[in-house]
Amino acid sequence: YSSLLEILDDARARYGDRTLLGMRTEGGLEHQWSAPVLARRARAAAWRLRRLGLGSGDRMLTWSPPTPELPALYFGAMLAGVVVVPLDLRMTPEVVTRIAERAATQWLVVGTGPDAPDPGAAGLGYLLQRGLGPLTAEPPDATGSDEDPSFPADWEDQLATWPRPGKDDLFEIVYTSGTTGQPRGVMVTHGNILSTMEATNHIIPPWQHRAVSMLPLSHLFGQLELFYALMIGGDVLYIRSRNPRVIFEAIREHRMTTMVVVPQVLDLFWSAISREVAKQGKERTVERLRTLARRLPYRLRRLIFRRIHAQLGGQMRLFISAAAFLPPSLQEAWEDLGIVVMQGYGATECGFASATSFEEHRRGTVGKPKPPTTLKLAPDGEILVGGPQVFGGYWRDPDATAASLDADGWYHTGDIGRFDDRDNLVLGGRKKNIIVLPNGLNVFPEDIENELRVAGLRGSVVLETAPGRIEAIVLSPDAPPLPTPGAPAAEPLTPDGQRALEARIDDIVKHANAVLGMHQRIVAWRMWPEPDFPRTHTLKIKRAEVRAWVDGESPLAVPDDDPVATPA
């Protein structure tokens, strides 16, 4: 392919009227689109964008939940030469305003529905706005000049003469969250994504995939799922609900085979299964069957747990996880059921840099780079990524570009890693978060946080609160895997309940300390006062805000003379 548009052209020719995209809301299935429908809507969107005065190189903000109309707008923008600037639904009005200023655009395309953003309420009424639905609506037929004068009878002939993009042309500018409040615009070309798709072909088995997606199309992860599905004729059903009943009904009725997820979703699903098992009093039976299943082929594992698989549609084979730490125990739990869990590693700046495969998915690693991607480690252990999928720089930000891209084109990820005995990449912490102890030893907070996660905490932030003093700010082990904004607060604990909770956390911290190095051990912990930490729109924890809370002399839950401070 020479551009992303050719993926859609190829899908039209190969898959005809087969359903490739759908959407499900609280009210049920609302859309079922084939490649020809998607292409027709994209051409209409391109014509309307040009009629608005948008043309080659102009930027356009998009702010919408996932829906088939959004890919139609993306492809339409490609046809019109317009550069997409996708916004995440969780972005604050202040961040959106800064992005609009940095991208030098006044155009905003907004989605519809109860879960769509309200630019007016967000104070963004100064932007020129159009609705996603009207822009991607069906075009008039060939005789439609009376129906819509903006479409002359030969509009498609005219559109066919427009120049098409090449590999080096910008498709989008994706603003990463960072944790400093200063978003940086990653310039992503057609060639960057096509190269990532080439690597993806080495990772995912080419069967007939049916996916249920909860990923935002404002993120590269969700976009890669879209483009890959169009390439191989997969069927993606977008979910416009966070209601567990709607999600599981969609999974079951769609007979899902594959799901691309963040680890929190895997945790959410597993928690739902565990609650049902406990409700039926079958914990010990399931544990014995899991032990047996580990010695069997995946096909037989699925047979053993066929009742659970029936609730997942009966066809589930593969989870692809990325974007956060995946506890090995959670991966093992799903694989005991006969579902392979692959893990990927990457960033908007470089796409998928490394991933496990369907055949080799060693726990605790993110696999190997796949062609054309190359990886190497800097002398300090920082992961460097090379290849044609690496971005060309940040939009109008030469200083940030120089700090991330070296003269030879290697992207400096800021992540520390190592290779195991099979050359799989094992992730460590972030360079910028490193703690240098008074004795000169280095501590990566993420290493400790991951051990706490394995031991049973939902989340934590590890800080040095005084020279050499390592403390953990923790979420309750009973906190939901995916806290819902606006959900009612949990009932306050009784004094006995509070003491029991603190005892559980003590045990979790002791368990983690038992496997950590002496210089990594936690001497005290504090309970975060909310269900979740403050996060960016890409779910990164805002460590500075947690630090500010700690510096405000929040009370210790565990005093210095507690046994946690001197674990066995």
Protein backbone atom coordinates (compact mmCIF):
# COMPACT_ATOMS: atom_id res chain seq x y z
CA TYR A 1 0.00 0.00 0.00
CA SER A 2 1.13 3.56 -0.74
CA SER A 3 -1.48 5.14 1.56
CA LEU A 4 -4.13 4.18 4.11
CA LEU A 5 -6.79 4.90 1.48
CA GLU A 6 -5.65 1.81 -0.42
CA ILE A 7 -6.62 -0.37 2.57
CA LEU A 8 -10.21 0.80 2.06
CA ASP A 9 -9.97 0.39 -1.72
CA ASP A 10 -8.73 -3.17 -1.25
CA ALA A 11 -11.45 -3.97 1.31
CA ARG A 12 -14.14 -2.84 -1.16
CA ALA A 13 -12.74 -5.11 -3.85
CA ARG A 14 -12.14 -8.16 -1.64
CA TYR A 15 -14.98 -8.20 0.88
CA GLY A 16 -17.93 -6.64 -0.95
CA ASP A 17 -21.04 -6.36 1.19
CA ARG A 18 -19.62 -8.26 4.18
CA THR A 19 -20.22 -6.35 7.45
CA LEU A 20 -16.93 -4.92 8.71
CA LEU A 21 -18.03 -2.23 11.17
CA GLY A 22 -20.92 -2.06 13.60
CA MET A 23 -22.04 -0.19 16.68
CA ARG A 24 -24.02 -1.22 19.74
CA THR A 25 -25.58 1.14 22.26
CA GLU A 26 -27.80 0.67 25.29
CA GLY A 27 -30.69 0.29 22.84
CA GLY A 28 -29.06 -2.47 20.79
CA LEU A 29 -27.33 -2.78 17.41
CA GLU A 30 -27.54 0.48 15.45
CA HIS A 31 -25.14 0.23 12.51
CA GLN A 32 -23.77 -2.47 10.23
CA TRP A 33 -21.45 -1.11 7.55
CA SER A 34 -19.68 -2.85 4.70
CA ALA A 35 -16.57 -1.49 3.00
CA PRO A 36 -18.60 0.00 0.08
CA VAL A 37 -20.84 1.86 2.56
CA LEU A 38 -17.80 3.14 4.45
CA ALA A 39 -16.15 4.26 1.21
CA ARG A 40 -19.29 6.02 -0.01
CA ARG A 41 -19.69 7.88 3.28
CA ALA A 42 -15.99 8.80 3.20
CA ARG A 43 -16.31 10.31 -0.30
CA ALA A 44 -19.33 12.34 0.83
CA ALA A 45 -17.39 13.57 3.87
CA ALA A 46 -14.45 14.57 1.66
CA TRP A 47 -16.73 16.60 -0.63
CA ARG A 48 -18.37 18.36 2.31
CA LEU A 49 -15.02 19.18 3.90
CA ARG A 50 -13.86 20.85 0.70
CA ARG A 51 -17.15 22.76 0.52
CA LEU A 52 -16.38 24.11 3.99
CA GLY A 53 -13.12 25.51 2.65
CA LEU A 54 -10.85 22.89 4.18
CA GLY A 55 -8.12 21.64 1.92
CA SER A 56 -4.65 20.15 1.68
CA GLY A 57 -2.68 20.49 4.92
CA ASP A 58 -5.48 22.13 6.93
CA ARG A 59 -6.03 20.75 10.42
CA MET A 60 -9.37 19.61 11.84
CA LEU A 61 -10.17 18.61 15.43
CA THR A 62 -12.40 15.55 15.93
CA TRP A 63 -14.11 14.82 19.25
CA SER A 64 -16.38 11.81 19.29
CA PRO A 65 -17.01 8.41 20.89
CA PRO A 66 -16.12 5.43 18.67
CA THR A 67 -18.65 4.93 15.90
CA PRO A 68 -18.46 3.85 12.22
CA GLU A 69 -18.95 7.49 11.19
CA LEU A 70 -15.56 8.37 12.65
CA PRO A 71 -13.55 6.10 10.28
CA ALA A 72 -15.67 7.53 7.44
CA LEU A 73 -14.56 11.01 8.46
CA TYR A 74 -10.93 9.88 8.75
CA PHE A 75 -10.93 8.42 5.23
CA GLY A 76 -12.81 11.46 3.96
CA ALA A 77 -10.16 13.73 5.44
CA MET A 78 -7.49 11.68 3.66
CA LEU A 79 -9.29 12.17 0.34
CA ALA A 80 -9.60 15.92 0.96
CA GLY A 81 -5.99 16.26 2.15
CA VAL A 82 -7.12 17.43 5.61
CA VAL A 83 -5.01 16.48 8.64
CA VAL A 84 -7.00 14.96 11.51
CA VAL A 85 -6.33 16.08 15.10
CA PRO A 86 -8.27 13.56 17.23
CA LEU A 87 -9.30 14.52 20.76
CA ASP A 88 -9.88 12.10 23.59
CA LEU A 89 -13.26 12.27 25.31
CA ARG A 90 -11.54 12.62 28.69
CA MET A 91 -9.63 15.75 27.72
CA THR A 92 -10.43 18.85 29.75
CA PRO A 93 -11.59 22.05 28.04
CA GLU A 94 -8.25 23.65 28.93
CA VAL A 95 -6.31 20.92 27.15
CA VAL A 96 -8.60 21.08 24.09
CA THR A 97 -8.10 24.85 23.94
CA ARG A 98 -4.32 24.48 24.06
CA ILE A 99 -4.42 21.81 21.35
CA ALA A 100 -6.60 23.99 19.10
CA GLU A 101 -4.10 26.82 19.51
CA ARG A 102 -1.06 24.63 18.88
CA ALA A 103 -2.64 22.92 15.87
CA ALA A 104 -3.64 26.35 14.51
CA THR A 105 -7.18 25.32 13.63
CA GLN A 106 -10.66 26.61 14.38
CA TRP A 107 -12.57 23.61 13.05
CA LEU A 108 -14.10 21.01 15.35
CA VAL A 109 -16.16 17.97 14.30
CA VAL A 110 -18.27 16.64 17.17
CA GLY A 111 -19.98 13.29 17.63
CA THR A 112 -23.54 12.81 18.81
CA GLY A 113 -25.30 10.81 21.48
CA PRO A 114 -25.56 10.89 25.27
CA ASP A 115 -21.87 9.92 25.65
CA ALA A 116 -20.64 12.58 23.21
CA PRO A 117 -18.91 15.75 24.45
CA ASP A 118 -20.70 19.09 24.64
CA PRO A 119 -18.36 21.80 23.31
CA GLY A 120 -20.69 24.54 24.54
CA ALA A 121 -20.62 23.27 28.11
CA ALA A 122 -16.85 22.96 27.80
CA GLY A 123 -16.54 26.62 26.79
CA LEU A 124 -15.46 25.82 23.24
CA GLY A 125 -18.22 27.67 21.43
CA TYR A 126 -15.64 29.89 19.75
CA LEU A 127 -14.62 26.99 17.47
CA LEU A 128 -16.30 26.47 14.10
CA GLN A 129 -18.28 23.26 14.59
CA ARG A 130 -19.90 20.61 12.45
CA GLY A 131 -21.67 17.41 13.47
CA LEU A 132 -20.07 14.07 12.63
CA GLY A 133 -23.40 12.63 11.47
CA PRO A 134 -24.24 15.33 8.87
CA LEU A 135 -20.67 15.36 7.52
CA THR A 136 -20.69 11.61 6.90
CA ALA A 137 -24.34 11.22 5.88
CA GLU A 138 -25.20 9.28 2.76
CA PRO A 139 -24.61 11.38 -0.37
CA PRO A 140 -27.44 12.04 -2.81
CA ASP A 141 -27.77 9.64 -5.71
CA ALA A 142 -26.48 10.41 -9.19
CA THR A 143 -29.46 12.62 -9.94
CA GLY A 144 -29.31 14.33 -6.58
CA SER A 145 -28.59 17.95 -7.52
CA ASP A 146 -32.18 18.85 -6.64
CA GLU A 147 -31.92 16.96 -3.35
CA ASP A 148 -28.70 18.71 -2.29
CA PRO A 149 -27.37 21.51 -4.51
CA SER A 150 -23.93 21.23 -2.90
CA PHE A 151 -23.51 17.91 -4.74
CA PRO A 152 -23.49 18.46 -8.50
CA ALA A 153 -24.30 15.48 -10.69
CA ASP A 154 -20.60 14.94 -11.49
CA TRP A 155 -19.26 15.40 -7.94
CA GLU A 156 -17.73 11.92 -7.79
CA ASP A 157 -16.00 12.45 -11.15
CA GLN A 158 -14.53 15.67 -9.79
CA LEU A 159 -13.46 13.98 -6.57
CA ALA A 160 -11.68 11.25 -8.54
CA THR A 161 -9.33 13.88 -9.98
CA TRP A 162 -8.14 15.06 -6.56
CA PRO A 163 -4.53 14.09 -5.71
CA ARG A 164 -4.19 11.18 -3.32
CA PRO A 165 -1.82 11.11 -0.34
CA GLY A 166 1.45 9.20 -0.29
CA LYS A 167 3.39 7.46 2.45
CA ASP A 168 5.13 10.64 3.56
CA ASP A 169 1.93 12.70 3.87
CA LEU A 170 0.49 13.48 7.28
CA PHE A 171 -2.62 11.56 8.28
CA GLU A 172 -2.99 12.99 11.78
CA ILE A 173 -1.45 14.88 14.65
CA VAL A 174 -2.07 13.00 17.90
CA TYR A 175 -1.53 15.00 21.06
CA THR A 176 -0.08 12.82 23.80
CA SER A 177 -1.11 13.51 27.34
CA GLY A 178 2.17 13.62 29.20
CA THR A 179 1.77 14.36 32.91
CA THR A 180 2.87 17.99 32.86
CA GLY A 181 -0.19 19.50 31.18
CA GLN A 182 1.79 20.36 28.05
CA PRO A 183 0.50 18.14 25.23
CA ARG A 184 2.83 17.43 22.33
CA GLY A 185 1.54 16.74 18.83
CA VAL A 186 2.92 13.53 17.32
CA MET A 187 2.97 13.82 13.53
CA VAL A 188 1.81 10.46 12.14
CA THR A 189 2.14 9.80 8.41
CA HIS A 190 0.44 7.19 6.24
CA GLY A 191 3.78 5.40 6.02
CA ASN A 192 4.20 5.28 9.80
CA ILE A 193 0.92 3.39 10.23
CA LEU A 194 1.45 1.17 7.19
CA SER A 195 4.81 0.09 8.59
CA THR A 196 3.19 -0.73 11.92
CA MET A 197 0.57 -2.76 10.05
CA GLU A 198 3.37 -4.70 8.34
CA ALA A 199 4.74 -5.62 11.77
CA THR A 200 1.25 -6.54 12.96
CA ASN A 201 0.97 -9.14 10.20
CA HIS A 202 3.83 -11.02 11.90
CA ILE A 203 1.99 -11.04 15.24
CA ILE A 204 -1.71 -11.81 14.80
CA PRO A 205 -2.92 -15.05 13.17
CA PRO A 206 -4.85 -14.32 9.94
CA TRP A 207 -8.14 -16.02 10.80
CA GLN A 208 -11.63 -14.51 10.48
CA HIS A 209 -11.57 -12.11 13.43
CA ARG A 210 -14.71 -10.79 15.10
CA ALA A 211 -13.82 -8.11 17.62
CA VAL A 212 -15.76 -6.11 20.17
CA SER A 213 -14.01 -2.80 20.73
CA MET A 214 -14.02 -0.50 23.74
CA LEU A 215 -10.99 1.44 22.49
CA PRO A 216 -11.19 5.12 21.56
CA LEU A 217 -10.51 5.90 17.91
CA SER A 218 -8.63 8.99 19.06
CA HIS A 219 -5.73 6.72 20.06
CA LEU A 220 -3.34 4.92 17.74
CA PHE A 221 -4.12 1.60 19.47
CA GLY A 222 -7.78 1.82 18.44
CA GLN A 223 -6.91 3.03 14.94
CA LEU A 224 -4.56 0.09 14.37
CA GLU A 225 -7.41 -2.27 15.30
CA LEU A 226 -9.59 -0.54 12.70
CA PHE A 227 -7.05 -0.64 9.86
CA TYR A 228 -6.05 -4.23 10.57
CA ALA A 229 -9.69 -5.36 10.54
CA LEU A 230 -10.22 -3.69 7.16
CA MET A 231 -7.07 -5.35 5.81
CA ILE A 232 -8.07 -8.89 6.76
CA GLY A 233 -11.85 -8.59 6.49
CA GLY A 234 -12.48 -8.67 10.23
CA ASP A 235 -15.67 -7.47 11.89
CA VAL A 236 -15.37 -4.77 14.58
CA LEU A 237 -18.34 -3.94 16.80
CA TYR A 238 -17.95 -0.66 18.71
CA ILE A 239 -19.59 -0.47 22.13
CA ARG A 240 -21.15 2.86 23.13
CA SER A 241 -21.83 1.83 26.72
CA ARG A 242 -19.96 0.99 29.90
CA ASN A 243 -22.89 -1.02 31.23
CA PRO A 244 -21.54 -4.55 31.94
CA ARG A 245 -24.83 -6.07 30.78
CA VAL A 246 -24.57 -4.35 27.38
CA ILE A 247 -20.89 -5.26 27.03
CA PHE A 248 -21.33 -8.95 27.80
CA GLU A 249 -24.44 -9.21 25.64
CA ALA A 250 -22.49 -7.71 22.74
CA ILE A 251 -19.57 -10.09 23.30
CA ARG A 252 -21.89 -13.10 23.45
CA GLU A 253 -24.13 -12.18 20.51
CA HIS A 254 -21.23 -11.07 18.29
CA ARG A 255 -19.51 -14.43 18.98
CA MET A 256 -16.29 -12.54 19.53
CA THR A 257 -13.00 -14.25 18.64
CA THR A 258 -10.57 -11.44 19.44
CA MET A 259 -10.44 -8.40 21.68
CA VAL A 260 -7.85 -5.63 21.85
CA VAL A 261 -7.82 -4.31 25.41
CA VAL A 262 -5.98 -2.49 28.13
CA PRO A 263 -5.16 -4.68 31.16
CA GLN A 264 -7.82 -2.96 33.29
CA VAL A 265 -10.51 -4.42 31.01
CA LEU A 266 -9.06 -7.92 31.39
CA ASP A 267 -9.15 -7.39 35.13
CA LEU A 268 -12.74 -6.13 34.97
CA PHE A 269 -13.88 -9.19 33.00
CA TRP A 270 -12.01 -11.62 35.25
CA SER A 271 -13.50 -9.99 38.34
CA ALA A 272 -16.99 -10.51 36.89
CA ILE A 273 -16.25 -14.20 36.25
CA SER A 274 -14.77 -14.61 39.75
CA ARG A 275 -17.84 -13.06 41.36
CA GLU A 276 -20.12 -15.46 39.51
CA VAL A 277 -17.96 -18.45 40.48
CA ALA A 278 -18.03 -17.34 44.12
CA LYS A 279 -21.79 -16.83 43.96
CA GLN A 280 -22.17 -20.46 42.89
CA GLY A 281 -19.73 -21.67 45.56
CA LYS A 282 -17.40 -23.25 43.00
CA GLU A 283 -14.08 -21.52 43.76
CA ARG A 284 -12.25 -24.72 44.75
CA THR A 285 -13.62 -26.64 41.75
CA VAL A 286 -12.50 -23.94 39.32
CA GLU A 287 -9.07 -23.75 40.96
CA ARG A 288 -8.58 -27.53 40.58
CA LEU A 289 -9.71 -27.39 36.94
CA ARG A 290 -7.32 -24.50 36.24
CA THR A 291 -4.44 -26.55 37.65
CA LEU A 292 -5.41 -29.46 35.39
CA ALA A 293 -5.94 -27.24 32.33
CA ARG A 294 -2.37 -25.86 32.43
CA ARG A 295 -1.11 -29.25 31.31
CA LEU A 296 -3.51 -29.48 28.36
CA PRO A 297 -3.69 -27.97 24.86
CA TYR A 298 -5.71 -24.78 24.54
CA ARG A 299 -8.49 -26.55 22.64
CA LEU A 300 -9.11 -28.90 25.58
CA ARG A 301 -8.92 -26.04 28.08
CA ARG A 302 -11.77 -24.34 26.25
CA LEU A 303 -13.73 -27.58 26.42
CA ILE A 304 -13.23 -27.85 30.20
CA PHE A 305 -14.46 -24.30 30.71
CA ARG A 306 -17.12 -24.39 28.00
CA ARG A 307 -19.77 -22.88 30.29
CA ILE A 308 -17.66 -19.77 30.83
CA HIS A 309 -16.89 -19.65 27.11
CA ALA A 310 -20.61 -19.80 26.34
CA GLN A 311 -21.00 -16.51 28.20
CA LEU A 312 -18.28 -15.08 25.92
CA GLY A 313 -19.95 -16.26 22.73
CA GLY A 314 -18.20 -19.62 22.48
CA GLN A 315 -15.57 -18.50 19.96
CA MET A 316 -13.12 -16.45 22.05
CA ARG A 317 -9.47 -17.22 21.22
CA LEU A 318 -7.31 -14.15 21.73
CA PHE A 319 -6.80 -11.05 23.86
CA ILE A 320 -4.25 -8.46 22.76
CA SER A 321 -3.21 -6.29 25.68
CA ALA A 322 -1.11 -3.12 25.72
CA ALA A 323 -0.73 0.35 27.25
CA ALA A 324 -0.11 -0.74 30.86
CA PHE A 325 1.43 -3.43 33.05
CA LEU A 326 -0.23 -6.83 32.67
CA PRO A 327 0.10 -8.91 35.88
CA PRO A 328 1.42 -12.38 34.96
CA SER A 329 -1.22 -13.95 37.23
CA LEU A 330 -3.99 -12.26 35.22
CA GLN A 331 -2.51 -13.51 31.95
CA GLU A 332 -2.23 -17.00 33.43
CA ALA A 333 -5.86 -16.94 34.57
CA TRP A 334 -7.18 -16.28 31.06
CA GLU A 335 -4.78 -18.74 29.45
CA ASP A 336 -5.95 -21.43 31.90
CA LEU A 337 -9.36 -20.95 30.26
CA GLY A 338 -7.81 -21.54 26.82
CA ILE A 339 -7.60 -17.92 25.65
CA VAL A 340 -4.18 -16.70 24.51
CA VAL A 341 -3.15 -13.32 25.91
CA MET A 342 -0.61 -11.46 23.79
CA GLN A 343 1.09 -8.33 25.07
CA GLY A 344 2.38 -5.43 23.03
CA TYR A 345 4.59 -2.44 23.76
CA GLY A 346 4.83 0.82 21.91
CA ALA A 347 3.83 4.45 21.76
CA THR A 348 2.12 6.88 19.43
CA GLU A 349 5.61 7.93 18.33
CA CYS A 350 6.57 4.45 17.14
CA GLY A 351 3.47 2.23 16.87
CA PHE A 352 3.94 -1.35 18.05
CA ALA A 353 7.63 -1.60 18.93
CA SER A 354 7.50 -5.12 20.30
CA ALA A 355 4.93 -7.83 20.96
CA THR A 356 4.51 -11.43 21.90
CA SER A 357 2.90 -13.71 19.33
CA PHE A 358 0.11 -16.28 19.24
CA GLU A 359 2.70 -19.05 19.28
CA GLU A 360 5.07 -17.52 21.86
CA HIS A 361 3.58 -15.42 24.65
CA ARG A 362 5.94 -15.69 27.58
CA ARG A 363 4.53 -14.04 30.70
CA GLY A 364 6.26 -10.98 32.06
CA THR A 365 7.62 -9.97 28.65
CA VAL A 366 6.45 -7.93 25.67
CA GLY A 367 8.06 -10.22 23.12
CA LYS A 368 10.31 -9.26 20.25
CA PRO A 369 10.30 -6.55 17.57
CA LYS A 370 8.82 -7.62 14.24
CA PRO A 371 10.06 -6.41 10.82
CA PRO A 372 10.50 -3.62 9.88
CA THR A 373 10.92 -2.54 13.52
CA THR A 374 14.32 -2.58 15.21
CA LEU A 375 15.12 -2.22 18.91
CA LYS A 376 18.26 -1.62 20.88
CA LEU A 377 19.19 -0.60 24.40
CA ALA A 378 21.22 2.49 25.20
CA PRO A 379 24.13 2.09 27.68
CA ASP A 380 21.82 3.15 30.52
CA GLY A 381 19.19 0.58 29.48
CA GLU A 382 16.80 2.99 27.73
CA ILE A 383 14.78 1.36 24.95
CA LEU A 384 15.43 2.89 21.51
CA VAL A 385 13.14 2.17 18.55
CA GLY A 386 14.08 2.44 14.90
CA GLY A 387 12.36 1.80 11.60
CA PRO A 388 9.95 3.42 9.13
CA GLN A 389 7.10 3.41 11.67
CA VAL A 390 8.96 5.94 13.87
CA PHE A 391 7.41 9.41 13.72
CA GLY A 392 9.18 12.38 12.15
CA GLY A 393 8.75 14.79 15.05
CA TYR A 394 6.36 16.81 17.17
CA TRP A 395 4.22 19.43 15.46
CA ARG A 396 5.98 22.80 15.58
CA ASP A 397 8.06 21.73 18.57
CA PRO A 398 11.71 21.34 17.50
CA ASP A 399 13.04 21.22 21.07
CA ALA A 400 10.80 18.30 22.06
CA THR A 401 11.64 16.57 18.76
CA ALA A 402 15.39 16.91 19.35
CA ALA A 403 14.98 15.50 22.86
CA SER A 404 13.20 12.37 21.59
CA LEU A 405 14.71 11.68 18.14
CA ASP A 406 18.46 11.41 17.70
CA ALA A 407 20.41 12.24 14.54
CA ASP A 408 20.18 8.62 13.34
CA GLY A 409 16.39 8.50 13.65
CA TRP A 410 16.18 6.41 16.83
CA TYR A 411 13.23 7.23 19.06
CA HIS A 412 14.26 7.47 22.71
CA THR A 413 11.28 6.04 24.57
CA GLY A 414 12.27 7.06 28.10
CA ASP A 415 11.53 3.46 29.19
CA ILE A 416 14.13 1.17 30.71
CA GLY A 417 14.25 -2.44 29.56
CA ARG A 418 16.32 -5.58 29.25
CA PHE A 419 16.30 -8.73 27.11
CA ASP A 420 15.68 -12.12 28.73
CA ASP A 421 17.38 -15.40 27.83
CA ARG A 422 15.12 -15.79 24.77
CA ASP A 423 15.65 -12.19 23.56
CA ASN A 424 12.19 -11.11 24.71
CA LEU A 425 11.94 -7.53 25.87
CA VAL A 426 11.22 -7.07 29.59
CA LEU A 427 10.07 -3.62 30.63
CA GLY A 428 11.41 -1.73 33.63
CA GLY A 429 10.56 1.76 34.81
CA ARG A 430 10.64 5.26 33.37
CA LYS A 431 13.94 7.14 33.34
CA LYS A 432 12.30 10.34 34.54
CA ASN A 433 10.84 8.59 37.60
CA ILE A 434 14.10 7.03 38.80
CA ILE A 435 14.93 7.38 42.50
CA VAL A 436 18.64 7.60 43.35
CA LEU A 437 19.17 6.50 46.95
CA PRO A 438 21.82 8.06 49.22
CA ASN A 439 23.95 4.92 48.73
CA GLY A 440 23.91 5.44 44.95
CA LEU A 441 21.55 2.58 44.12
CA ASN A 442 18.77 3.22 41.58
CA VAL A 443 15.13 2.42 42.25
CA PHE A 444 12.45 2.45 39.59
CA PRO A 445 9.05 3.09 41.21
CA GLU A 446 7.27 1.06 38.51
CA ASP A 447 9.16 -2.09 39.54
CA ILE A 448 7.77 -1.79 43.07
CA GLU A 449 4.30 -0.76 41.85
CA ASN A 450 4.16 -3.82 39.61
CA GLU A 451 5.04 -6.12 42.51
CA LEU A 452 2.28 -4.53 44.59
CA ARG A 453 -0.09 -5.10 41.67
CA VAL A 454 0.92 -8.76 41.49
CA ALA A 455 0.45 -9.06 45.26
CA GLY A 456 -3.14 -7.83 45.05
CA LEU A 457 -3.38 -4.03 44.99
CA ARG A 458 -5.42 -2.32 42.28
CA GLY A 459 -2.90 0.49 42.00
CA SER A 460 -0.14 2.39 43.79
CA VAL A 461 2.31 5.24 43.43
CA VAL A 462 5.76 4.77 44.97
CA LEU A 463 7.65 7.86 46.11
CA GLU A 464 10.80 8.76 48.00
CA THR A 465 9.44 10.95 50.81
CA ALA A 466 12.81 11.55 52.49
CA PRO A 467 16.33 10.51 51.48
CA GLY A 468 16.26 6.71 51.18
CA ARG A 469 12.68 6.40 52.45
CA ILE A 470 10.38 4.51 50.05
CA GLU A 471 6.64 4.87 50.62
CA ALA A 472 3.63 3.59 48.69
CA ILE A 473 0.43 5.53 48.14
CA VAL A 474 -2.14 2.81 47.56
CA LEU A 475 -5.64 2.25 46.28
CA SER A 476 -7.86 -0.14 48.15
CA PRO A 477 -7.62 -3.74 46.89
CA ASP A 478 -11.42 -3.52 46.62
CA ALA A 479 -11.28 -0.51 44.26
CA PRO A 480 -12.93 -1.19 40.87
CA PRO A 481 -10.52 -2.01 37.99
CA LEU A 482 -12.09 0.78 35.92
CA PRO A 483 -13.58 3.45 38.18
CA THR A 484 -16.60 5.14 36.62
CA PRO A 485 -16.64 8.95 36.84
CA GLY A 486 -19.66 10.14 38.77
CA ALA A 487 -20.34 6.72 40.32
CA PRO A 488 -21.63 6.85 43.89
CA ALA A 489 -18.96 6.62 46.58
CA ALA A 490 -18.59 3.37 48.45
CA GLU A 491 -20.22 3.09 51.86
CA PRO A 492 -17.83 4.17 54.65
CA LEU A 493 -16.24 1.30 56.53
CA THR A 494 -17.00 0.50 60.12
CA PRO A 495 -14.00 0.67 62.52
CA ASP A 496 -13.68 -3.12 62.34
CA GLY A 497 -13.91 -3.00 58.54
CA GLN A 498 -11.22 -0.32 58.40
CA ARG A 499 -8.88 -2.37 60.58
CA ALA A 500 -9.50 -5.44 58.43
CA LEU A 501 -8.75 -3.47 55.26
CA GLU A 502 -5.52 -2.10 56.72
CA ALA A 503 -4.49 -5.61 57.75
CA ARG A 504 -5.06 -6.84 54.18
CA ILE A 505 -2.91 -4.04 52.79
CA ASP A 506 -0.23 -4.78 55.40
CA ASP A 507 -0.13 -8.37 54.16
CA ILE A 508 0.05 -7.28 50.52
CA VAL A 509 2.94 -4.90 51.23
CA LYS A 510 4.78 -7.57 53.23
CA HIS A 511 4.32 -10.04 50.37
CA ALA A 512 5.74 -7.54 47.87
CA ASN A 513 8.63 -6.65 50.17
CA ALA A 514 9.51 -10.33 50.47
CA VAL A 515 10.35 -10.50 46.75
CA LEU A 516 11.81 -7.00 46.33
CA GLY A 517 15.47 -6.17 46.79
CA MET A 518 16.55 -4.67 50.09
CA HIS A 519 16.97 -1.23 48.51
CA GLN A 520 13.44 -1.39 47.00
CA ARG A 521 11.48 -2.25 50.12
CA ILE A 522 8.53 -0.16 51.26
CA VAL A 523 8.82 1.31 54.76
CA ALA A 524 5.30 2.79 54.97
CA TRP A 525 2.08 3.14 53.01
CA ARG A 526 -0.78 5.65 52.86
CA MET A 527 -4.28 5.18 51.52
CA TRP A 528 -5.27 7.44 48.64
CA PRO A 529 -8.56 9.15 49.64
CA GLU A 530 -10.40 8.61 46.31
CA PRO A 531 -11.40 5.47 44.33
CA ASP A 532 -8.68 6.22 41.77
CA PHE A 533 -5.63 8.41 41.28
CA PRO A 534 -5.79 11.58 39.18
CA ARG A 535 -5.02 10.60 35.60
CA THR A 536 -4.41 12.06 32.19
CA HIS A 537 -6.77 11.31 29.32
CA THR A 538 -4.55 8.34 28.40
CA LEU A 539 -4.89 7.01 31.97
CA LYS A 540 -1.35 7.88 33.08
CA ILE A 541 -1.21 8.71 36.76
CA LYS A 542 -0.50 12.36 37.51
CA ARG A 543 2.37 11.69 39.89
CA ALA A 544 2.93 15.36 40.60
CA GLU A 545 -0.57 15.65 42.07
CA VAL A 546 0.00 12.57 44.22
CA ARG A 547 3.32 14.06 45.36
CA ALA A 548 1.58 17.34 46.24
CA TRP A 549 -0.95 15.44 48.35
CA VAL A 550 1.85 13.62 50.18
CA ASP A 551 3.78 16.84 50.73
CA GLY A 552 0.64 18.23 52.33
CA GLU A 553 1.45 15.96 55.29
CA SER A 554 -1.22 13.34 54.66
CA PRO A 555 -1.42 10.86 57.54
CA LEU A 556 0.54 7.63 57.45
CA ALA A 557 -1.59 4.50 57.58
CA VAL A 558 1.44 2.49 58.75
CA PRO A 559 3.81 4.01 61.33
CA ASP A 560 7.56 3.58 61.14
CA ASP A 561 7.61 0.96 63.88
CA ASP A 562 5.11 -1.26 62.07
CA PRO A 563 6.40 -4.72 61.06
CA VAL A 564 5.98 -3.72 57.40
CA ALA A 565 9.02 -1.48 57.81
CA THR A 566 11.25 -4.45 58.61
CA PRO A 567 9.87 -7.40 56.62
CA ALA A 568 11.08 -10.90 57.22
